[in-house]
Amino acid sequence: MVTVLVFGLTLRDAVGETEFECEASEPTTVRKLIEANQDRMGPLLQFLLNRELMIAVNKKVSGEDTVIKDGDIMKLSHQSRTSYDGTRDIPV
């Protein structure tokens, strides 16, 4: 099982909970785990596609291609208004 921790109101409202577990019988990527668990994590896919998800796996900043396996902890938080180079658009 992979423990998924969801931070922030935007993501919590999208999935309806702050912590849950997903089955990961073999190593997979973060993206494939989200796609394989549409019933629970389906709303997160749109945030992932828009590059608005900040992902950490076992306390390390990660991406959608990071390999995740049984026993790992994945933390997700919302990062809004990202630009194409990965920096935030912060008004001055």
PDB file of N, CA and C in Angstrom:
ATOM      1  N   MET A   1       0.825  -1.186   0.000  1.00  0.00           N
ATOM      2  CA  MET A   1       0.000   0.000   0.000  1.00  0.00           C
ATOM      3  C   MET A   1       0.872   1.253   0.000  1.00  0.00           C
ATOM      4  N   VAL A   2       0.406   2.249  -0.714  1.00  0.00           N
ATOM      5  CA  VAL A   2       1.044   3.560  -0.738  1.00  0.00           C
ATOM      6  C   VAL A   2       0.148   4.509   0.036  1.00  0.00           C
ATOM      7  N   THR A   3       0.706   5.217   0.992  1.00  0.00           N
ATOM      8  CA  THR A   3      -0.046   6.207   1.747  1.00  0.00           C
ATOM      9  C   THR A   3      -0.005   7.522   0.979  1.00  0.00           C
ATOM     10  N   VAL A   4      -1.182   8.103   0.744  1.00  0.00           N
ATOM     11  CA  VAL A   4      -1.290   9.361   0.018  1.00  0.00           C
ATOM     12  C   VAL A   4      -1.777  10.430   0.987  1.00  0.00           C
ATOM     13  N   LEU A   5      -1.001  11.492   1.132  1.00  0.00           N
ATOM     14  CA  LEU A   5      -1.359  12.619   1.988  1.00  0.00           C
ATOM     15  C   LEU A   5      -1.671  13.805   1.092  1.00  0.00           C
ATOM     16  N   VAL A   6      -2.827  14.415   1.299  1.00  0.00           N
ATOM     17  CA  VAL A   6      -3.287  15.524   0.460  1.00  0.00           C
ATOM     18  C   VAL A   6      -3.293  16.797   1.298  1.00  0.00           C
ATOM     19  N   PHE A   7      -2.569  17.815   0.836  1.00  0.00           N
ATOM     20  CA  PHE A   7      -2.469  19.077   1.565  1.00  0.00           C
ATOM     21  C   PHE A   7      -3.163  20.194   0.808  1.00  0.00           C
ATOM     22  N   GLY A   8      -3.803  21.076   1.538  1.00  0.00           N
ATOM     23  CA  GLY A   8      -4.449  22.251   0.960  1.00  0.00           C
ATOM     24  C   GLY A   8      -5.914  22.027   0.650  1.00  0.00           C
ATOM     25  N   LEU A   9      -6.682  23.107   0.782  1.00  0.00           N
ATOM     26  CA  LEU A   9      -8.128  23.046   0.567  1.00  0.00           C
ATOM     27  C   LEU A   9      -8.503  22.669  -0.861  1.00  0.00           C
ATOM     28  N   THR A  10      -7.769  23.156  -1.835  1.00  0.00           N
ATOM     29  CA  THR A  10      -8.116  22.897  -3.233  1.00  0.00           C
ATOM     30  C   THR A  10      -8.104  21.403  -3.528  1.00  0.00           C
ATOM     31  N   LEU A  11      -7.023  20.734  -3.159  1.00  0.00           N
ATOM     32  CA  LEU A  11      -6.941  19.293  -3.424  1.00  0.00           C
ATOM     33  C   LEU A  11      -7.856  18.499  -2.514  1.00  0.00           C
ATOM     34  N   ARG A  12      -7.944  18.919  -1.262  1.00  0.00           N
ATOM     35  CA  ARG A  12      -8.827  18.204  -0.336  1.00  0.00           C
ATOM     36  C   ARG A  12     -10.266  18.251  -0.818  1.00  0.00           C
ATOM     37  N   ASP A  13     -10.699  19.388  -1.298  1.00  0.00           N
ATOM     38  CA  ASP A  13     -12.061  19.499  -1.822  1.00  0.00           C
ATOM     39  C   ASP A  13     -12.238  18.637  -3.073  1.00  0.00           C
ATOM     40  N   ALA A  14     -11.188  18.512  -3.862  1.00  0.00           N
ATOM     41  CA  ALA A  14     -11.275  17.721  -5.096  1.00  0.00           C
ATOM     42  C   ALA A  14     -11.410  16.227  -4.812  1.00  0.00           C
ATOM     43  N   VAL A  15     -10.666  15.723  -3.833  1.00  0.00           N
ATOM     44  CA  VAL A  15     -10.706  14.281  -3.548  1.00  0.00           C
ATOM     45  C   VAL A  15     -11.561  13.921  -2.341  1.00  0.00           C
ATOM     46  N   GLY A  16     -11.881  14.908  -1.504  1.00  0.00           N
ATOM     47  CA  GLY A  16     -12.781  14.663  -0.386  1.00  0.00           C
ATOM     48  C   GLY A  16     -12.138  14.104   0.867  1.00  0.00           C
ATOM     49  N   GLU A  17     -10.826  13.975   0.900  1.00  0.00           N
ATOM     50  CA  GLU A  17     -10.155  13.484   2.100  1.00  0.00           C
ATOM     51  C   GLU A  17      -8.702  13.940   2.113  1.00  0.00           C
ATOM     52  N   THR A  18      -8.063  13.826   3.275  1.00  0.00           N
ATOM     53  CA  THR A  18      -6.690  14.300   3.411  1.00  0.00           C
ATOM     54  C   THR A  18      -5.671  13.172   3.471  1.00  0.00           C
ATOM     55  N   GLU A  19      -6.122  11.954   3.723  1.00  0.00           N
ATOM     56  CA  GLU A  19      -5.203  10.822   3.796  1.00  0.00           C
ATOM     57  C   GLU A  19      -5.937   9.548   3.416  1.00  0.00           C
ATOM     58  N   PHE A  20      -5.304   8.737   2.573  1.00  0.00           N
ATOM     59  CA  PHE A  20      -5.859   7.447   2.198  1.00  0.00           C
ATOM     60  C   PHE A  20      -4.743   6.559   1.678  1.00  0.00           C
ATOM     61  N   GLU A  21      -5.059   5.292   1.459  1.00  0.00           N
ATOM     62  CA  GLU A  21      -4.072   4.346   0.957  1.00  0.00           C
ATOM     63  C   GLU A  21      -4.519   3.787  -0.384  1.00  0.00           C
ATOM     64  N   CYS A  22      -3.543   3.516  -1.248  1.00  0.00           N
ATOM     65  CA  CYS A  22      -3.800   2.922  -2.563  1.00  0.00           C
ATOM     66  C   CYS A  22      -2.946   1.676  -2.707  1.00  0.00           C
ATOM     67  N   GLU A  23      -3.489   0.695  -3.382  1.00  0.00           N
ATOM     68  CA  GLU A  23      -2.772  -0.546  -3.634  1.00  0.00           C
ATOM     69  C   GLU A  23      -1.689  -0.318  -4.686  1.00  0.00           C
ATOM     70  N   ALA A  24      -0.487  -0.790  -4.383  1.00  0.00           N
ATOM     71  CA  ALA A  24       0.622  -0.747  -5.344  1.00  0.00           C
ATOM     72  C   ALA A  24       1.363  -2.072  -5.223  1.00  0.00           C
ATOM     73  N   SER A  25       0.863  -3.089  -5.911  1.00  0.00           N
ATOM     74  CA  SER A  25       1.444  -4.426  -5.795  1.00  0.00           C
ATOM     75  C   SER A  25       2.819  -4.522  -6.449  1.00  0.00           C
ATOM     76  N   GLU A  26       3.116  -3.629  -7.393  1.00  0.00           N
ATOM     77  CA  GLU A  26       4.424  -3.579  -8.030  1.00  0.00           C
ATOM     78  C   GLU A  26       4.812  -2.129  -8.230  1.00  0.00           C
ATOM     79  N   PRO A  27       6.121  -1.846  -8.371  1.00  0.00           N
ATOM     80  CA  PRO A  27       6.539  -0.461  -8.572  1.00  0.00           C
ATOM     81  C   PRO A  27       5.861   0.163  -9.802  1.00  0.00           C
ATOM     82  N   THR A  28       5.472   1.417  -9.660  1.00  0.00           N
ATOM     83  CA  THR A  28       4.811   2.154 -10.730  1.00  0.00           C
ATOM     84  C   THR A  28       5.202   3.618 -10.610  1.00  0.00           C
ATOM     85  N   THR A  29       4.774   4.449 -11.525  1.00  0.00           N
ATOM     86  CA  THR A  29       5.077   5.875 -11.415  1.00  0.00           C
ATOM     87  C   THR A  29       3.921   6.589 -10.709  1.00  0.00           C
ATOM     88  N   VAL A  30       4.198   7.791 -10.259  1.00  0.00           N
ATOM     89  CA  VAL A  30       3.165   8.600  -9.603  1.00  0.00           C
ATOM     90  C   VAL A  30       1.977   8.786 -10.552  1.00  0.00           C
ATOM     91  N   ARG A  31       2.272   9.128 -11.793  1.00  0.00           N
ATOM     92  CA  ARG A  31       1.192   9.355 -12.766  1.00  0.00           C
ATOM     93  C   ARG A  31       0.348   8.099 -12.974  1.00  0.00           C
ATOM     94  N   LYS A  32       0.995   6.957 -13.137  1.00  0.00           N
ATOM     95  CA  LYS A  32       0.261   5.708 -13.361  1.00  0.00           C
ATOM     96  C   LYS A  32      -0.563   5.315 -12.136  1.00  0.00           C
ATOM     97  N   LEU A  33      -0.051   5.613 -10.950  1.00  0.00           N
ATOM     98  CA  LEU A  33      -0.814   5.327  -9.727  1.00  0.00           C
ATOM     99  C   LEU A  33      -2.090   6.167  -9.694  1.00  0.00           C
ATOM    100  N   ILE A  34      -1.973   7.444 -10.051  1.00  0.00           N
ATOM    101  CA  ILE A  34      -3.153   8.318 -10.079  1.00  0.00           C
ATOM    102  C   ILE A  34      -4.139   7.834 -11.138  1.00  0.00           C
ATOM    103  N   GLU A  35      -3.633   7.507 -12.323  1.00  0.00           N
ATOM    104  CA  GLU A  35      -4.515   7.033 -13.403  1.00  0.00           C
ATOM    105  C   GLU A  35      -5.180   5.705 -13.062  1.00  0.00           C
ATOM    106  N   ALA A  36      -4.488   4.833 -12.333  1.00  0.00           N
ATOM    107  CA  ALA A  36      -5.029   3.513 -11.994  1.00  0.00           C
ATOM    108  C   ALA A  36      -6.057   3.572 -10.867  1.00  0.00           C
ATOM    109  N   ASN A  37      -6.111   4.684 -10.158  1.00  0.00           N
ATOM    110  CA  ASN A  37      -7.041   4.823  -9.030  1.00  0.00           C
ATOM    111  C   ASN A  37      -7.995   5.986  -9.275  1.00  0.00           C
ATOM    112  N   GLN A  38      -8.645   5.971 -10.433  1.00  0.00           N
ATOM    113  CA  GLN A  38      -9.564   7.042 -10.837  1.00  0.00           C
ATOM    114  C   GLN A  38     -10.682   7.258  -9.820  1.00  0.00           C
ATOM    115  N   ASP A  39     -11.159   6.188  -9.197  1.00  0.00           N
ATOM    116  CA  ASP A  39     -12.250   6.322  -8.239  1.00  0.00           C
ATOM    117  C   ASP A  39     -11.875   7.217  -7.065  1.00  0.00           C
ATOM    118  N   ARG A  40     -10.630   7.179  -6.664  1.00  0.00           N
ATOM    119  CA  ARG A  40     -10.188   7.935  -5.506  1.00  0.00           C
ATOM    120  C   ARG A  40      -9.386   9.185  -5.870  1.00  0.00           C
ATOM    121  N   MET A  41      -8.578   9.079  -6.912  1.00  0.00           N
ATOM    122  CA  MET A  41      -7.672  10.171  -7.239  1.00  0.00           C
ATOM    123  C   MET A  41      -7.931  10.788  -8.610  1.00  0.00           C
ATOM    124  N   GLY A  42      -9.009  10.442  -9.257  1.00  0.00           N
ATOM    125  CA  GLY A  42      -9.335  10.967 -10.579  1.00  0.00           C
ATOM    126  C   GLY A  42      -9.269  12.476 -10.696  1.00  0.00           C
ATOM    127  N   PRO A  43      -9.834  13.229  -9.738  1.00  0.00           N
ATOM    128  CA  PRO A  43      -9.791  14.695  -9.844  1.00  0.00           C
ATOM    129  C   PRO A  43      -8.372  15.273  -9.817  1.00  0.00           C
ATOM    130  N   LEU A  44      -7.407  14.506  -9.301  1.00  0.00           N
ATOM    131  CA  LEU A  44      -6.030  14.998  -9.237  1.00  0.00           C
ATOM    132  C   LEU A  44      -5.357  15.003 -10.602  1.00  0.00           C
ATOM    133  N   LEU A  45      -5.864  14.204 -11.519  1.00  0.00           N
ATOM    134  CA  LEU A  45      -5.249  14.102 -12.838  1.00  0.00           C
ATOM    135  C   LEU A  45      -5.227  15.451 -13.562  1.00  0.00           C
ATOM    136  N   GLN A  46      -6.294  16.211 -13.446  1.00  0.00           N
ATOM    137  CA  GLN A  46      -6.342  17.521 -14.102  1.00  0.00           C
ATOM    138  C   GLN A  46      -5.286  18.465 -13.527  1.00  0.00           C
ATOM    139  N   PHE A  47      -5.076  18.414 -12.210  1.00  0.00           N
ATOM    140  CA  PHE A  47      -4.034  19.240 -11.589  1.00  0.00           C
ATOM    141  C   PHE A  47      -2.655  18.800 -12.080  1.00  0.00           C
ATOM    142  N   LEU A  48      -2.464  17.501 -12.232  1.00  0.00           N
ATOM    143  CA  LEU A  48      -1.204  16.965 -12.721  1.00  0.00           C
ATOM    144  C   LEU A  48      -0.943  17.422 -14.157  1.00  0.00           C
ATOM    145  N   LEU A  49      -1.952  17.324 -14.997  1.00  0.00           N
ATOM    146  CA  LEU A  49      -1.807  17.727 -16.399  1.00  0.00           C
ATOM    147  C   LEU A  49      -1.530  19.219 -16.540  1.00  0.00           C
ATOM    148  N   ASN A  50      -2.076  20.019 -15.632  1.00  0.00           N
ATOM    149  CA  ASN A  50      -1.870  21.476 -15.647  1.00  0.00           C
ATOM    150  C   ASN A  50      -0.600  21.898 -14.918  1.00  0.00           C
ATOM    151  N   ARG A  51       0.173  20.916 -14.471  1.00  0.00           N
ATOM    152  CA  ARG A  51       1.414  21.174 -13.723  1.00  0.00           C
ATOM    153  C   ARG A  51       1.164  21.982 -12.450  1.00  0.00           C
ATOM    154  N   GLU A  52       0.069  21.664 -11.774  1.00  0.00           N
ATOM    155  CA  GLU A  52      -0.282  22.366 -10.541  1.00  0.00           C
ATOM    156  C   GLU A  52      -0.147  21.483  -9.310  1.00  0.00           C
ATOM    157  N   LEU A  53       0.450  20.306  -9.461  1.00  0.00           N
ATOM    158  CA  LEU A  53       0.668  19.421  -8.319  1.00  0.00           C
ATOM    159  C   LEU A  53       2.123  19.477  -7.892  1.00  0.00           C
ATOM    160  N   MET A  54       2.335  19.676  -6.609  1.00  0.00           N
ATOM    161  CA  MET A  54       3.670  19.521  -6.045  1.00  0.00           C
ATOM    162  C   MET A  54       3.675  18.140  -5.405  1.00  0.00           C
ATOM    163  N   ILE A  55       4.666  17.342  -5.765  1.00  0.00           N
ATOM    164  CA  ILE A  55       4.715  15.945  -5.347  1.00  0.00           C
ATOM    165  C   ILE A  55       5.982  15.694  -4.538  1.00  0.00           C
ATOM    166  N   ALA A  56       5.821  14.976  -3.437  1.00  0.00           N
ATOM    167  CA  ALA A  56       6.966  14.509  -2.655  1.00  0.00           C
ATOM    168  C   ALA A  56       6.739  13.029  -2.367  1.00  0.00           C
ATOM    169  N   VAL A  57       7.779  12.241  -2.569  1.00  0.00           N
ATOM    170  CA  VAL A  57       7.721  10.814  -2.251  1.00  0.00           C
ATOM    171  C   VAL A  57       8.800  10.544  -1.214  1.00  0.00           C
ATOM    172  N   ASN A  58       8.366  10.055  -0.064  1.00  0.00           N
ATOM    173  CA  ASN A  58       9.292   9.773   1.042  1.00  0.00           C
ATOM    174  C   ASN A  58      10.181  10.977   1.365  1.00  0.00           C
ATOM    175  N   LYS A  59       9.554  12.136   1.467  1.00  0.00           N
ATOM    176  CA  LYS A  59      10.203  13.393   1.854  1.00  0.00           C
ATOM    177  C   LYS A  59      11.147  13.964   0.808  1.00  0.00           C
ATOM    178  N   LYS A  60      11.088  13.451  -0.431  1.00  0.00           N
ATOM    179  CA  LYS A  60      11.930  13.987  -1.496  1.00  0.00           C
ATOM    180  C   LYS A  60      11.040  14.579  -2.574  1.00  0.00           C
ATOM    181  N   VAL A  61      11.374  15.796  -3.012  1.00  0.00           N
ATOM    182  CA  VAL A  61      10.617  16.428  -4.083  1.00  0.00           C
ATOM    183  C   VAL A  61      10.685  15.517  -5.301  1.00  0.00           C
ATOM    184  N   SER A  62       9.517  15.269  -5.902  1.00  0.00           N
ATOM    185  CA  SER A  62       9.426  14.288  -6.979  1.00  0.00           C
ATOM    186  C   SER A  62       8.604  14.830  -8.135  1.00  0.00           C
ATOM    187  N   GLY A  63       8.506  14.029  -9.173  1.00  0.00           N
ATOM    188  CA  GLY A  63       7.711  14.386 -10.335  1.00  0.00           C
ATOM    189  C   GLY A  63       6.771  13.251 -10.690  1.00  0.00           C
ATOM    190  N   GLU A  64       6.032  13.431 -11.772  1.00  0.00           N
ATOM    191  CA  GLU A  64       5.037  12.434 -12.153  1.00  0.00           C
ATOM    192  C   GLU A  64       5.663  11.124 -12.617  1.00  0.00           C
ATOM    193  N   ASP A  65       6.942  11.135 -13.001  1.00  0.00           N
ATOM    194  CA  ASP A  65       7.623   9.921 -13.444  1.00  0.00           C
ATOM    195  C   ASP A  65       8.417   9.225 -12.340  1.00  0.00           C
ATOM    196  N   THR A  66       8.326   9.739 -11.119  1.00  0.00           N
ATOM    197  CA  THR A  66       9.014   9.115  -9.998  1.00  0.00           C
ATOM    198  C   THR A  66       8.407   7.744  -9.726  1.00  0.00           C
ATOM    199  N   VAL A  67       9.273   6.763  -9.520  1.00  0.00           N
ATOM    200  CA  VAL A  67       8.797   5.406  -9.221  1.00  0.00           C
ATOM    201  C   VAL A  67       8.354   5.353  -7.768  1.00  0.00           C
ATOM    202  N   ILE A  68       7.196   4.760  -7.587  1.00  0.00           N
ATOM    203  CA  ILE A  68       6.614   4.630  -6.255  1.00  0.00           C
ATOM    204  C   ILE A  68       6.286   3.158  -6.035  1.00  0.00           C
ATOM    205  N   LYS A  69       6.498   2.686  -4.799  1.00  0.00           N
ATOM    206  CA  LYS A  69       6.294   1.264  -4.514  1.00  0.00           C
ATOM    207  C   LYS A  69       5.609   1.073  -3.169  1.00  0.00           C
ATOM    208  N   ASP A  70       5.275  -0.166  -2.892  1.00  0.00           N
ATOM    209  CA  ASP A  70       4.602  -0.519  -1.646  1.00  0.00           C
ATOM    210  C   ASP A  70       5.383   0.029  -0.448  1.00  0.00           C
ATOM    211  N   GLY A  71       4.672   0.680   0.459  1.00  0.00           N
ATOM    212  CA  GLY A  71       5.278   1.230   1.662  1.00  0.00           C
ATOM    213  C   GLY A  71       5.683   2.689   1.555  1.00  0.00           C
ATOM    214  N   ASP A  72       5.644   3.251   0.360  1.00  0.00           N
ATOM    215  CA  ASP A  72       6.032   4.652   0.178  1.00  0.00           C
ATOM    216  C   ASP A  72       4.931   5.598   0.670  1.00  0.00           C
ATOM    217  N   ILE A  73       5.339   6.825   0.962  1.00  0.00           N
ATOM    218  CA  ILE A  73       4.407   7.887   1.335  1.00  0.00           C
ATOM    219  C   ILE A  73       4.508   8.975   0.278  1.00  0.00           C
ATOM    220  N   MET A  74       3.369   9.296  -0.334  1.00  0.00           N
ATOM    221  CA  MET A  74       3.305  10.327  -1.367  1.00  0.00           C
ATOM    222  C   MET A  74       2.513  11.508  -0.819  1.00  0.00           C
ATOM    223  N   LYS A  75       3.128  12.687  -0.873  1.00  0.00           N
ATOM    224  CA  LYS A  75       2.473  13.907  -0.416  1.00  0.00           C
ATOM    225  C   LYS A  75       2.164  14.774  -1.626  1.00  0.00           C
ATOM    226  N   LEU A  76       0.943  15.269  -1.682  1.00  0.00           N
ATOM    227  CA  LEU A  76       0.502  16.104  -2.794  1.00  0.00           C
ATOM    228  C   LEU A  76       0.000  17.434  -2.271  1.00  0.00           C
ATOM    229  N   SER A  77       0.414  18.507  -2.913  1.00  0.00           N
ATOM    230  CA  SER A  77      -0.124  19.819  -2.559  1.00  0.00           C
ATOM    231  C   SER A  77      -0.327  20.605  -3.843  1.00  0.00           C
ATOM    232  N   HIS A  78      -1.161  21.631  -3.752  1.00  0.00           N
ATOM    233  CA  HIS A  78      -1.540  22.417  -4.925  1.00  0.00           C
ATOM    234  C   HIS A  78      -0.598  23.587  -5.088  1.00  0.00           C
ATOM    235  N   GLN A  79      -0.095  23.748  -6.303  1.00  0.00           N
ATOM    236  CA  GLN A  79       0.741  24.896  -6.650  1.00  0.00           C
ATOM    237  C   GLN A  79       0.039  25.610  -7.778  1.00  0.00           C
ATOM    238  N   SER A  80      -0.499  26.760  -7.504  1.00  0.00           N
ATOM    239  CA  SER A  80      -1.268  27.466  -8.526  1.00  0.00           C
ATOM    240  C   SER A  80      -0.409  28.460  -9.280  1.00  0.00           C
ATOM    241  N   ARG A  81      -0.902  28.795 -10.490  1.00  0.00           N
ATOM    242  CA  ARG A  81      -0.315  29.835 -11.317  1.00  0.00           C
ATOM    243  C   ARG A  81       1.150  29.591 -11.643  1.00  0.00           C
ATOM    244  N   THR A  82       1.495  28.367 -12.004  1.00  0.00           N
ATOM    245  CA  THR A  82       2.870  28.101 -12.411  1.00  0.00           C
ATOM    246  C   THR A  82       3.084  28.580 -13.835  1.00  0.00           C
ATOM    247  N   SER A  83       4.270  28.957 -14.124  1.00  0.00           N
ATOM    248  CA  SER A  83       4.606  29.334 -15.496  1.00  0.00           C
ATOM    249  C   SER A  83       5.335  28.173 -16.145  1.00  0.00           C
ATOM    250  N   TYR A  84       5.641  28.283 -17.412  1.00  0.00           N
ATOM    251  CA  TYR A  84       6.234  27.173 -18.142  1.00  0.00           C
ATOM    252  C   TYR A  84       7.626  26.786 -17.668  1.00  0.00           C
ATOM    253  N   ASP A  85       8.345  27.686 -17.041  1.00  0.00           N
ATOM    254  CA  ASP A  85       9.680  27.326 -16.587  1.00  0.00           C
ATOM    255  C   ASP A  85       9.676  26.771 -15.154  1.00  0.00           C
ATOM    256  N   GLY A  86       8.499  26.572 -14.591  1.00  0.00           N
ATOM    257  CA  GLY A  86       8.387  25.966 -13.266  1.00  0.00           C
ATOM    258  C   GLY A  86       8.410  26.947 -12.118  1.00  0.00           C
ATOM    259  N   THR A  87       8.566  28.246 -12.399  1.00  0.00           N
ATOM    260  CA  THR A  87       8.560  29.233 -11.334  1.00  0.00           C
ATOM    261  C   THR A  87       7.132  29.716 -11.102  1.00  0.00           C
ATOM    262  N   ARG A  88       6.922  30.300  -9.995  1.00  0.00           N
ATOM    263  CA  ARG A  88       5.586  30.818  -9.679  1.00  0.00           C
ATOM    264  C   ARG A  88       5.452  32.247 -10.174  1.00  0.00           C
ATOM    265  N   ASP A  89       4.261  32.563 -10.622  1.00  0.00           N
ATOM    266  CA  ASP A  89       3.952  33.937 -11.036  1.00  0.00           C
ATOM    267  C   ASP A  89       3.430  34.673  -9.810  1.00  0.00           C
ATOM    268  N   ILE A  90       4.290  35.389  -9.143  1.00  0.00           N
ATOM    269  CA  ILE A  90       3.900  36.097  -7.931  1.00  0.00           C
ATOM    270  C   ILE A  90       3.814  37.577  -8.255  1.00  0.00           C
ATOM    271  N   PRO A  91       2.630  38.172  -8.040  1.00  0.00           N
ATOM    272  CA  PRO A  91       2.498  39.609  -8.333  1.00  0.00           C
ATOM    273  C   PRO A  91       3.413  40.434  -7.450  1.00  0.00           C
ATOM    274  N   VAL A  92       3.961  41.499  -7.993  1.00  0.00           N
ATOM    275  CA  VAL A  92       4.884  42.361  -7.256  1.00  0.00           C
ATOM    276  C   VAL A  92       4.118  43.487  -6.624  1.00  0.00           C
TER     277      VAL A  92
END
